[in-house]
N, C-alpha and C. Protein backbone atom coordinates (compact mmCIF):
# COMPACT_ATOMS: atom_id res chain seq x y z
N UNK A 1 -54.08 68.62 16.48
CA UNK A 1 -54.74 67.45 17.12
C UNK A 1 -55.38 67.87 18.51
N UNK A 2 -56.52 67.22 18.78
CA UNK A 2 -57.11 67.40 20.04
C UNK A 2 -56.53 66.50 20.98
N UNK A 3 -56.41 66.79 22.25
CA UNK A 3 -55.96 66.04 23.28
C UNK A 3 -57.02 65.26 23.84
N UNK A 4 -56.74 64.19 24.55
CA UNK A 4 -57.70 63.35 25.10
C UNK A 4 -58.32 64.04 26.29
N UNK A 5 -59.54 63.85 26.61
CA UNK A 5 -60.17 64.56 27.83
C UNK A 5 -59.47 64.31 28.90
N UNK A 6 -58.88 63.16 29.36
CA UNK A 6 -58.12 62.94 30.45
C UNK A 6 -56.88 63.73 30.62
N UNK A 7 -56.20 63.87 29.52
CA UNK A 7 -55.04 64.61 29.47
C UNK A 7 -55.33 66.21 29.66
N UNK A 8 -56.46 66.59 29.19
CA UNK A 8 -56.82 68.09 29.28
C UNK A 8 -57.02 68.32 30.85
N UNK A 9 -57.61 67.59 31.53
CA UNK A 9 -58.06 67.67 32.92
C UNK A 9 -56.88 67.39 33.84
N UNK A 10 -55.82 66.69 33.36
CA UNK A 10 -54.67 66.18 34.29
C UNK A 10 -53.64 67.32 34.33
N UNK A 11 -53.17 67.45 35.49
CA UNK A 11 -52.14 68.50 35.75
C UNK A 11 -50.88 67.60 35.94
N UNK A 12 -49.97 67.70 34.91
CA UNK A 12 -48.75 67.08 34.91
C UNK A 12 -47.79 67.45 36.08
N UNK A 13 -48.09 68.72 36.68
CA UNK A 13 -47.20 69.11 37.56
C UNK A 13 -47.65 68.74 38.98
N UNK A 14 -48.67 67.90 39.07
CA UNK A 14 -49.23 67.42 40.45
C UNK A 14 -48.82 65.89 40.46
N UNK A 15 -47.84 65.65 41.22
CA UNK A 15 -47.44 64.24 41.30
C UNK A 15 -48.40 63.30 41.91
N UNK A 16 -49.37 63.91 42.69
CA UNK A 16 -50.31 62.98 43.41
C UNK A 16 -51.36 62.56 42.28
N UNK A 17 -51.58 63.21 41.31
CA UNK A 17 -52.42 62.74 40.22
C UNK A 17 -51.77 61.68 39.35
N UNK A 18 -50.46 61.92 39.01
CA UNK A 18 -49.67 60.85 38.45
C UNK A 18 -49.54 59.65 39.26
N UNK A 19 -49.51 59.76 40.60
CA UNK A 19 -49.35 58.54 41.29
C UNK A 19 -50.71 57.87 41.36
N UNK A 20 -51.75 58.57 41.36
CA UNK A 20 -53.15 58.08 41.51
C UNK A 20 -53.36 57.12 40.24
N UNK A 21 -52.95 57.70 39.05
CA UNK A 21 -53.06 57.00 37.71
C UNK A 21 -52.17 55.74 37.78
N UNK A 22 -51.02 55.94 38.25
CA UNK A 22 -50.16 54.64 38.23
C UNK A 22 -50.71 53.46 39.35
N UNK A 23 -51.20 53.89 40.39
CA UNK A 23 -51.85 53.00 41.35
C UNK A 23 -53.07 52.24 40.65
N UNK A 24 -53.90 53.10 40.01
CA UNK A 24 -55.02 52.44 39.36
C UNK A 24 -54.59 51.53 38.13
N UNK A 25 -53.57 51.87 37.47
CA UNK A 25 -53.13 51.03 36.34
C UNK A 25 -52.50 49.75 37.01
N UNK A 26 -51.84 49.85 38.16
CA UNK A 26 -51.31 48.61 38.77
C UNK A 26 -52.45 47.70 39.23
N UNK A 27 -53.44 48.36 39.78
CA UNK A 27 -54.61 47.56 40.22
C UNK A 27 -55.29 46.99 38.91
N UNK A 28 -55.48 47.65 37.92
CA UNK A 28 -56.10 47.09 36.74
C UNK A 28 -55.25 45.94 36.10
N UNK A 29 -53.97 46.16 36.05
CA UNK A 29 -53.21 44.94 35.40
C UNK A 29 -53.23 43.80 36.33
N UNK A 30 -53.23 43.93 37.68
CA UNK A 30 -53.37 42.91 38.45
C UNK A 30 -54.54 42.05 38.40
N UNK A 31 -55.70 42.86 38.39
CA UNK A 31 -57.05 42.30 38.32
C UNK A 31 -57.18 41.52 36.93
N UNK A 32 -56.71 42.15 35.80
CA UNK A 32 -56.89 41.45 34.50
C UNK A 32 -56.04 40.26 34.52
N UNK A 33 -54.90 40.39 35.11
CA UNK A 33 -54.02 39.12 35.15
C UNK A 33 -54.68 37.98 35.93
N UNK A 34 -55.17 38.32 37.09
CA UNK A 34 -55.85 37.34 37.78
C UNK A 34 -56.99 36.82 37.16
N UNK A 35 -57.76 37.55 36.43
CA UNK A 35 -58.94 37.09 35.78
C UNK A 35 -58.55 36.22 34.57
N UNK A 36 -57.57 36.45 33.85
CA UNK A 36 -56.97 35.60 32.79
C UNK A 36 -56.59 34.39 33.35
N UNK A 37 -55.91 34.42 34.54
CA UNK A 37 -55.35 33.23 35.26
C UNK A 37 -56.56 32.29 35.56
N UNK A 38 -57.72 32.91 36.18
CA UNK A 38 -58.82 32.16 36.57
C UNK A 38 -59.49 31.37 35.36
N UNK A 39 -59.54 32.02 34.23
CA UNK A 39 -60.13 31.43 33.00
C UNK A 39 -59.31 30.15 32.50
N UNK A 40 -57.86 30.18 32.92
CA UNK A 40 -57.16 29.03 32.45
C UNK A 40 -56.31 29.24 31.29
N UNK A 41 -56.35 30.48 30.62
CA UNK A 41 -55.66 30.70 29.46
C UNK A 41 -54.09 30.62 29.77
N UNK A 42 -53.83 31.26 30.77
CA UNK A 42 -52.28 31.16 31.25
C UNK A 42 -52.30 31.05 32.75
N UNK A 43 -51.13 30.39 33.22
CA UNK A 43 -50.84 30.45 34.63
C UNK A 43 -49.87 31.52 35.00
N UNK A 44 -50.28 32.17 36.01
CA UNK A 44 -49.37 33.26 36.46
C UNK A 44 -48.77 32.91 37.89
N UNK A 45 -47.57 33.24 38.15
CA UNK A 45 -46.85 32.91 39.38
C UNK A 45 -47.62 33.66 40.57
N UNK A 46 -47.47 33.17 41.76
CA UNK A 46 -48.00 33.82 42.94
C UNK A 46 -47.33 35.19 43.18
N UNK A 47 -46.16 35.45 42.60
CA UNK A 47 -45.59 36.71 42.79
C UNK A 47 -45.92 37.75 41.71
N UNK A 48 -46.80 37.27 40.79
CA UNK A 48 -47.19 38.25 39.72
C UNK A 48 -47.69 39.62 40.22
N UNK A 49 -48.49 39.77 41.35
CA UNK A 49 -48.85 40.98 41.88
C UNK A 49 -47.71 41.85 42.28
N UNK A 50 -46.67 41.23 42.88
CA UNK A 50 -45.43 41.98 43.33
C UNK A 50 -44.62 42.37 42.13
N UNK A 51 -44.58 41.59 41.11
CA UNK A 51 -43.95 42.05 39.91
C UNK A 51 -44.59 43.32 39.23
N UNK A 52 -45.90 43.19 39.14
CA UNK A 52 -46.64 44.41 38.59
C UNK A 52 -46.44 45.68 39.48
N UNK A 53 -46.58 45.37 40.83
CA UNK A 53 -46.40 46.38 41.78
C UNK A 53 -45.00 47.19 41.70
N UNK A 54 -44.02 46.34 41.60
CA UNK A 54 -42.80 47.03 41.47
C UNK A 54 -42.38 47.70 40.21
N UNK A 55 -42.95 47.07 39.05
CA UNK A 55 -42.77 47.76 37.72
C UNK A 55 -43.51 49.03 37.73
N UNK A 56 -44.73 49.05 38.32
CA UNK A 56 -45.41 50.33 38.32
C UNK A 56 -44.63 51.51 39.04
N UNK A 57 -44.09 50.98 40.25
CA UNK A 57 -43.26 51.89 41.00
C UNK A 57 -42.07 52.49 40.35
N UNK A 58 -41.46 51.57 39.51
CA UNK A 58 -40.39 51.96 38.68
C UNK A 58 -40.83 52.96 37.60
N UNK A 59 -41.90 52.51 37.00
CA UNK A 59 -42.63 53.45 35.97
C UNK A 59 -42.87 54.89 36.63
N UNK A 60 -43.35 54.89 37.89
CA UNK A 60 -43.62 56.11 38.43
C UNK A 60 -42.43 56.88 38.65
N UNK A 61 -41.40 56.25 39.15
CA UNK A 61 -40.01 56.86 39.40
C UNK A 61 -39.47 57.78 38.22
N UNK A 62 -39.65 57.00 36.93
CA UNK A 62 -39.11 57.59 35.70
C UNK A 62 -40.02 58.81 35.27
N UNK A 63 -41.36 58.59 35.50
CA UNK A 63 -42.19 59.73 34.97
C UNK A 63 -41.91 61.01 35.96
N UNK A 64 -41.87 60.73 37.13
CA UNK A 64 -41.71 61.90 38.13
C UNK A 64 -40.33 62.58 37.94
N UNK A 65 -39.23 61.64 37.64
CA UNK A 65 -37.97 62.23 37.44
C UNK A 65 -37.97 63.09 36.25
N UNK A 66 -38.60 62.62 35.09
CA UNK A 66 -38.58 63.30 33.86
C UNK A 66 -39.38 64.60 33.93
N UNK A 67 -40.58 64.43 34.71
CA UNK A 67 -41.40 65.60 34.92
C UNK A 67 -40.82 66.82 35.57
N UNK A 68 -39.86 66.54 36.42
CA UNK A 68 -39.23 67.72 37.22
C UNK A 68 -38.48 68.63 36.12
N UNK A 69 -38.11 68.23 35.03
CA UNK A 69 -37.46 69.05 34.04
C UNK A 69 -38.48 70.11 33.52
N UNK A 70 -39.68 69.97 33.43
CA UNK A 70 -40.57 70.92 32.97
C UNK A 70 -41.33 71.70 34.00
N UNK A 71 -41.16 71.43 35.34
CA UNK A 71 -41.86 72.19 36.28
C UNK A 71 -41.11 73.53 36.54
N UNK A 72 -42.02 74.48 37.19
CA UNK A 72 -41.52 75.85 37.38
C UNK A 72 -41.02 75.92 38.76
N UNK A 73 -41.65 75.27 39.85
CA UNK A 73 -41.26 75.34 41.18
C UNK A 73 -40.59 73.98 41.62
N UNK A 74 -39.36 73.90 41.45
CA UNK A 74 -38.50 72.71 41.72
C UNK A 74 -38.65 72.14 43.06
N UNK A 75 -38.64 72.95 44.17
CA UNK A 75 -38.57 72.58 45.48
C UNK A 75 -39.96 72.07 45.91
N UNK A 76 -40.92 72.71 45.54
CA UNK A 76 -42.30 72.21 45.80
C UNK A 76 -42.65 70.83 45.20
N UNK A 77 -42.30 70.79 43.74
CA UNK A 77 -42.50 69.58 43.02
C UNK A 77 -41.65 68.38 43.62
N UNK A 78 -40.41 68.67 43.97
CA UNK A 78 -39.52 67.50 44.49
C UNK A 78 -40.01 66.99 45.74
N UNK A 79 -40.59 67.82 46.70
CA UNK A 79 -41.07 67.41 47.94
C UNK A 79 -42.43 66.57 47.76
N UNK A 80 -43.17 67.10 46.84
CA UNK A 80 -44.57 66.49 46.63
C UNK A 80 -44.20 65.12 45.80
N UNK A 81 -43.32 65.19 45.09
CA UNK A 81 -43.03 63.97 44.27
C UNK A 81 -42.47 62.89 45.20
N UNK A 82 -41.60 63.16 46.04
CA UNK A 82 -41.08 62.13 47.00
C UNK A 82 -42.18 61.53 47.97
N UNK A 83 -43.09 62.50 48.37
CA UNK A 83 -44.17 62.01 49.22
C UNK A 83 -45.09 61.15 48.49
N UNK A 84 -45.36 61.62 47.19
CA UNK A 84 -46.41 60.70 46.39
C UNK A 84 -45.56 59.42 46.03
N UNK A 85 -44.27 59.33 45.95
CA UNK A 85 -43.65 58.04 45.60
C UNK A 85 -43.63 57.26 46.83
N UNK A 86 -43.53 57.72 48.05
CA UNK A 86 -43.68 56.90 49.20
C UNK A 86 -45.01 56.31 49.46
N UNK A 87 -46.09 57.22 49.16
CA UNK A 87 -47.46 56.67 49.21
C UNK A 87 -47.70 55.65 48.21
N UNK A 88 -47.20 55.84 46.96
CA UNK A 88 -47.47 54.83 45.98
C UNK A 88 -46.76 53.59 46.19
N UNK A 89 -45.62 53.55 46.81
CA UNK A 89 -44.98 52.39 47.20
C UNK A 89 -45.68 51.58 48.28
N UNK A 90 -46.23 52.28 49.25
CA UNK A 90 -46.89 51.63 50.32
C UNK A 90 -48.25 50.93 49.84
N UNK A 91 -49.03 51.86 48.90
CA UNK A 91 -50.36 51.39 48.51
C UNK A 91 -50.11 50.24 47.61
N UNK A 92 -49.10 50.24 46.60
CA UNK A 92 -48.99 49.19 45.56
C UNK A 92 -48.47 48.07 46.26
N UNK A 93 -47.67 48.16 47.42
CA UNK A 93 -47.25 47.01 48.11
C UNK A 93 -48.33 46.34 48.83
N UNK A 94 -49.22 47.08 49.43
CA UNK A 94 -50.55 46.50 50.13
C UNK A 94 -51.28 45.75 49.06
N UNK A 95 -51.54 46.34 47.93
CA UNK A 95 -52.32 45.68 46.89
C UNK A 95 -51.72 44.43 46.43
N UNK A 96 -50.41 44.37 46.33
CA UNK A 96 -49.75 43.14 45.97
C UNK A 96 -49.89 42.10 46.99
N UNK A 97 -49.78 42.61 48.29
CA UNK A 97 -49.85 41.48 49.37
C UNK A 97 -51.36 41.02 49.41
N UNK A 98 -52.43 41.87 49.20
CA UNK A 98 -53.66 41.44 49.35
C UNK A 98 -54.15 40.62 48.08
N UNK A 99 -53.46 40.76 47.06
CA UNK A 99 -53.79 39.85 45.81
C UNK A 99 -52.98 38.55 45.83
N UNK A 100 -51.72 38.69 46.37
CA UNK A 100 -50.88 37.50 46.38
C UNK A 100 -51.08 36.69 47.72
N UNK A 101 -51.39 37.42 48.77
CA UNK A 101 -51.55 36.67 50.08
C UNK A 101 -50.52 36.03 50.69
N UNK A 102 -49.45 36.44 50.25
CA UNK A 102 -48.23 35.68 50.89
C UNK A 102 -46.91 36.69 50.90
N UNK A 103 -46.15 36.53 51.95
CA UNK A 103 -44.84 37.04 51.88
C UNK A 103 -43.87 35.88 52.35
N UNK A 104 -43.17 35.32 51.36
CA UNK A 104 -42.24 34.27 51.67
C UNK A 104 -40.91 34.61 51.01
N UNK A 105 -39.97 33.58 50.97
CA UNK A 105 -38.67 33.82 50.46
C UNK A 105 -38.61 34.31 49.12
N UNK A 106 -39.79 33.80 48.19
CA UNK A 106 -39.73 34.28 46.79
C UNK A 106 -40.14 35.63 46.73
N UNK A 107 -41.06 36.12 47.63
CA UNK A 107 -41.46 37.55 47.45
C UNK A 107 -40.66 38.56 48.31
N UNK A 108 -39.74 38.04 49.10
CA UNK A 108 -38.94 38.97 49.85
C UNK A 108 -37.92 39.62 48.98
N UNK A 109 -37.58 39.09 47.82
CA UNK A 109 -36.74 39.78 46.95
C UNK A 109 -37.23 41.16 46.54
N UNK A 110 -38.66 41.38 46.51
CA UNK A 110 -39.17 42.52 46.06
C UNK A 110 -38.84 43.74 47.10
N UNK A 111 -38.46 43.20 48.34
CA UNK A 111 -38.04 44.20 49.27
C UNK A 111 -36.82 45.01 48.85
N UNK A 112 -35.83 44.21 48.23
CA UNK A 112 -34.70 44.61 47.64
C UNK A 112 -34.96 45.41 46.41
N UNK A 113 -35.91 44.89 45.61
CA UNK A 113 -36.21 45.62 44.35
C UNK A 113 -36.77 47.00 44.71
N UNK A 114 -37.80 47.17 45.68
CA UNK A 114 -38.26 48.38 46.12
C UNK A 114 -37.11 49.26 46.57
N UNK A 115 -36.32 48.77 47.38
CA UNK A 115 -35.04 49.54 47.90
C UNK A 115 -34.26 50.17 46.83
N UNK A 116 -34.01 49.38 45.89
CA UNK A 116 -33.10 49.79 44.73
C UNK A 116 -33.76 50.83 43.96
N UNK A 117 -35.05 50.58 43.65
CA UNK A 117 -35.82 51.60 42.90
C UNK A 117 -35.96 52.94 43.62
N UNK A 118 -36.24 52.92 44.95
CA UNK A 118 -36.33 54.00 45.76
C UNK A 118 -35.00 54.81 45.79
N UNK A 119 -33.96 54.19 46.03
CA UNK A 119 -32.66 54.81 45.95
C UNK A 119 -32.37 55.40 44.61
N UNK A 120 -32.51 54.75 43.57
CA UNK A 120 -32.37 55.20 42.26
C UNK A 120 -33.20 56.40 41.94
N UNK A 121 -34.55 56.33 42.43
CA UNK A 121 -35.29 57.54 42.25
C UNK A 121 -34.91 58.84 42.90
N UNK A 122 -34.45 58.58 44.12
CA UNK A 122 -33.86 59.68 45.00
C UNK A 122 -32.57 60.21 44.38
N UNK A 123 -31.72 59.42 43.76
CA UNK A 123 -30.62 59.90 43.11
C UNK A 123 -30.96 60.67 41.88
N UNK A 124 -31.75 60.05 41.09
CA UNK A 124 -32.14 60.63 39.79
C UNK A 124 -32.84 62.00 39.90
N UNK A 125 -33.82 61.89 40.79
CA UNK A 125 -34.51 63.31 40.92
C UNK A 125 -33.59 64.23 41.52
N UNK A 126 -32.73 64.03 42.28
CA UNK A 126 -31.69 64.96 42.82
C UNK A 126 -30.71 65.51 41.63
N UNK A 127 -30.31 64.48 40.76
CA UNK A 127 -29.45 64.97 39.69
C UNK A 127 -30.26 65.86 38.77
N UNK A 128 -31.55 65.51 38.41
CA UNK A 128 -32.21 66.20 37.45
C UNK A 128 -32.67 67.64 37.99
N UNK A 129 -32.96 67.64 39.31
CA UNK A 129 -33.27 68.96 39.95
C UNK A 129 -32.01 69.91 39.90
N UNK A 130 -30.78 69.36 40.04
CA UNK A 130 -29.64 70.18 40.13
C UNK A 130 -29.34 70.58 38.71
N UNK A 131 -29.53 69.80 37.76
CA UNK A 131 -29.34 70.15 36.29
C UNK A 131 -30.44 71.28 36.03
N UNK A 132 -31.72 71.20 36.39
CA UNK A 132 -32.69 72.15 36.15
C UNK A 132 -32.35 73.50 36.80
N UNK A 133 -31.70 73.48 37.96
CA UNK A 133 -31.25 74.74 38.62
C UNK A 133 -30.24 75.36 37.78
N UNK A 134 -29.26 74.59 37.34
CA UNK A 134 -28.10 75.15 36.59
C UNK A 134 -28.68 75.86 35.19
N UNK A 135 -29.63 75.12 34.67
CA UNK A 135 -30.33 75.59 33.41
C UNK A 135 -31.06 76.84 33.61
N UNK A 136 -31.74 76.94 34.77
CA UNK A 136 -32.47 78.14 35.17
C UNK A 136 -31.45 79.29 35.47
N UNK A 137 -30.44 78.97 36.11
CA UNK A 137 -29.39 80.07 36.29
C UNK A 137 -28.67 80.55 35.07
N UNK A 138 -28.46 79.60 34.11
CA UNK A 138 -27.77 79.99 33.00
C UNK A 138 -28.75 80.79 31.94
N UNK A 139 -29.95 80.46 31.99
CA UNK A 139 -31.09 81.37 31.29
C UNK A 139 -31.09 82.78 31.76
N UNK A 140 -30.91 82.98 33.05
CA UNK A 140 -30.94 84.41 33.60
C UNK A 140 -29.73 85.11 33.14
N UNK A 141 -28.69 84.61 33.10
CA UNK A 141 -27.39 85.26 32.68
C UNK A 141 -27.42 85.72 31.29
N UNK A 142 -26.89 86.85 31.10
CA UNK A 142 -26.60 87.38 29.73
C UNK A 142 -25.28 87.35 29.45
N UNK A 143 -24.96 86.93 28.20
CA UNK A 143 -23.50 86.72 27.71
C UNK A 143 -23.35 87.68 26.64
N UNK A 144 -22.16 88.42 26.75
CA UNK A 144 -21.76 89.26 25.67
C UNK A 144 -20.42 88.99 25.01
N UNK A 145 -20.47 88.94 23.80
CA UNK A 145 -19.24 88.46 23.01
C UNK A 145 -18.25 89.55 23.29
N UNK A 146 -16.95 88.95 23.36
CA UNK A 146 -15.74 90.00 23.47
C UNK A 146 -15.71 90.95 22.23
N UNK A 147 -15.26 92.06 22.54
CA UNK A 147 -15.13 93.09 21.38
C UNK A 147 -13.86 92.55 20.52
N UNK A 148 -14.20 92.86 19.17
CA UNK A 148 -13.06 92.51 18.26
C UNK A 148 -12.19 93.88 18.10
N UNK A 149 -11.03 93.72 17.93
CA UNK A 149 -10.10 94.78 17.76
C UNK A 149 -9.94 95.24 16.34
């Protein structure tokens, strides 16, 4: 089967490309949600942009954590993915603020959600990079069966 054109050009070992796609996806979902709300089909809460933003940050954390298992240079990927994660949190937070226009008691809970997701991402990416290092070390070792008498 032929891969889609976007997937052919996309480098899955570049966390900044993955982050850009997640940011654009969050923006698209927020805009579509707002447009549907304007038409009157559904009512969305004022915290809808914050919900989408935190969901996309969680989605990015999962993708980057899983992608580390297939990368060749663990240290470079880990540093770049942490930086791209931070940038994504800031940009999606700004997008959510611009579209919701408010930070009140209802949306302050998202600060806690962002903190939990960020801490979970750091823990998960650390565990998976450690596992990847163990697997790389084990692949280099040769094992010889004991001699039979």
